[in-house]
Amino acid sequence: MELTEELLKEYKSLIGRKVTVTMDRPVGAIHPKHPEIVYPINYGYIDGLLGGDGEEQDVYVLGETKPLDTYDGVIIAVVHRYDDDECKWVASDGTPYTKDEIEREVHFQEQFHESEIIMK
């Protein structure tokens, strides 16, 4: 998906937004379609908010090392995928992360996509 100025503006407006994430793939979960992928971080969705793929908006959760059911946090970045219809949000407890740190945390899944980390 092309990263337009409008989309970039939308992504940046999400930064700082408080969210509640429902985990469908907590730390240690195995990807349902790719059993070689084990989730090193919590990964979930925003209940009732549809993403670009028509399913609920996906969120990577950073900073929590134990498996979670839900998580209240703040959006700190957006992972824009050039080769997909959806983006992924990145949440933390407000702890700042650098772009490099985020890239390392989400590499387990983003290595299969052409993506870019968008921050304020």
Protein backbone atom coordinates (compact mmCIF):
# COMPACT_ATOMS: atom_id res chain seq x y z
CA MET A 1 0.00 0.00 0.00
CA GLU A 2 1.38 3.38 -0.94
CA LEU A 3 2.32 5.68 1.95
CA THR A 4 0.59 8.94 1.01
CA GLU A 5 0.86 12.24 2.89
CA GLU A 6 -2.75 11.76 4.02
CA LEU A 7 -2.02 8.30 5.38
CA LEU A 8 1.15 9.53 7.09
CA LYS A 9 -0.86 12.30 8.75
CA GLU A 10 -3.47 9.76 9.89
CA TYR A 11 -0.80 7.47 11.35
CA LYS A 12 0.85 10.31 13.25
CA SER A 13 -2.54 11.34 14.67
CA LEU A 14 -2.81 7.89 16.26
CA ILE A 15 0.40 8.33 18.27
CA GLY A 16 -0.49 8.90 21.92
CA ARG A 17 -3.96 7.39 21.60
CA LYS A 18 -4.96 5.21 24.55
CA VAL A 19 -6.12 1.73 23.59
CA THR A 20 -7.25 -1.55 25.11
CA VAL A 21 -5.77 -4.53 23.30
CA THR A 22 -7.30 -8.01 23.45
CA MET A 23 -4.60 -10.64 22.97
CA ASP A 24 -5.20 -13.43 20.54
CA ARG A 25 -1.49 -14.30 20.35
CA PRO A 26 0.18 -13.76 23.71
CA VAL A 27 3.91 -14.25 24.32
CA GLY A 28 4.77 -17.86 23.40
CA ALA A 29 1.80 -18.39 21.06
CA ILE A 30 2.39 -20.15 17.76
CA HIS A 31 1.18 -18.49 14.57
CA PRO A 32 -1.95 -20.35 13.35
CA LYS A 33 -0.78 -20.56 9.71
CA HIS A 34 3.00 -20.60 10.20
CA PRO A 35 4.00 -22.95 13.04
CA GLU A 36 7.64 -21.88 12.76
CA ILE A 37 6.68 -18.42 14.12
CA VAL A 38 6.50 -18.21 17.91
CA TYR A 39 5.40 -14.84 19.27
CA PRO A 40 8.15 -13.24 21.41
CA ILE A 41 5.83 -10.35 22.30
CA ASN A 42 2.12 -10.00 23.00
CA TYR A 43 0.01 -9.42 19.89
CA GLY A 44 -3.65 -8.65 19.74
CA TYR A 45 -6.37 -6.43 18.35
CA ILE A 46 -8.64 -3.51 19.12
CA ASP A 47 -12.10 -4.97 19.65
CA GLY A 48 -14.65 -3.51 17.24
CA LEU A 49 -12.18 -1.38 15.24
CA LEU A 50 -11.63 -2.68 11.71
CA GLY A 51 -8.26 -2.43 10.02
CA GLY A 52 -7.42 -2.28 6.34
CA ASP A 53 -7.92 -6.02 5.87
CA GLY A 54 -11.52 -5.88 7.09
CA GLU A 55 -10.63 -7.58 10.39
CA GLU A 56 -10.02 -5.96 13.75
CA GLN A 57 -6.99 -3.66 13.99
CA ASP A 58 -3.84 -5.57 14.98
CA VAL A 59 -1.48 -4.29 17.67
CA TYR A 60 2.02 -5.30 18.78
CA VAL A 61 2.44 -4.77 22.55
CA LEU A 62 5.94 -3.91 23.77
CA GLY A 63 7.39 -4.02 27.26
CA GLU A 64 5.36 -6.86 28.76
CA THR A 65 7.24 -10.15 28.94
CA LYS A 66 4.49 -12.36 30.34
CA PRO A 67 1.48 -13.58 28.34
CA LEU A 68 -1.48 -11.23 28.70
CA ASP A 69 -5.22 -11.47 28.09
CA THR A 70 -5.77 -7.71 27.70
CA TYR A 71 -3.57 -4.64 27.83
CA ASP A 72 -4.23 -0.93 28.35
CA GLY A 73 -1.56 1.16 26.68
CA VAL A 74 -0.69 3.97 24.32
CA ILE A 75 0.05 3.83 20.60
CA ILE A 76 3.72 4.75 20.10
CA ALA A 77 4.16 3.84 16.42
CA VAL A 78 2.49 2.43 13.34
CA VAL A 79 4.04 -0.24 11.10
CA HIS A 80 3.10 0.64 7.53
CA ARG A 81 3.19 -2.29 5.15
CA TYR A 82 3.86 -1.49 1.53
CA ASP A 83 2.96 -5.03 0.44
CA ASP A 84 -0.24 -5.52 2.45
CA ASP A 85 -3.69 -3.96 2.93
CA GLU A 86 -3.22 -3.38 6.64
CA CYS A 87 -0.92 -1.60 9.04
CA LYS A 88 -0.02 -2.72 12.53
CA TRP A 89 -0.12 -0.48 15.57
CA VAL A 90 2.55 -0.60 18.27
CA ALA A 91 1.56 -0.01 21.90
CA SER A 92 3.46 0.35 25.16
CA ASP A 93 2.82 1.74 28.62
CA GLY A 94 4.13 5.05 27.31
CA THR A 95 7.77 4.00 27.62
CA PRO A 96 9.57 5.49 24.64
CA TYR A 97 11.21 3.15 22.14
CA THR A 98 13.51 4.08 19.27
CA LYS A 99 12.65 3.08 15.73
CA ASP A 100 15.50 0.53 15.85
CA GLU A 101 14.16 -1.00 19.07
CA ILE A 102 10.67 -1.33 17.59
CA GLU A 103 12.08 -2.88 14.41
CA ARG A 104 13.92 -5.50 16.51
CA GLU A 105 10.79 -6.30 18.54
CA VAL A 106 8.52 -6.81 15.50
CA HIS A 107 11.10 -8.38 13.19
CA PHE A 108 9.80 -11.91 13.89
CA GLN A 109 6.76 -11.07 11.75
CA GLU A 110 7.71 -7.98 9.75
CA GLN A 111 10.71 -9.78 8.20
CA PHE A 112 8.21 -11.24 5.75
CA HIS A 113 6.92 -7.82 4.65
CA GLU A 114 8.19 -4.60 3.19
CA SER A 115 7.36 -2.26 6.05
CA GLU A 116 8.31 1.03 7.67
CA ILE A 117 7.97 2.22 11.26
CA ILE A 118 6.11 5.54 11.52
CA MET A 119 6.59 7.64 14.66
CA LYS A 120 5.97 11.28 15.55
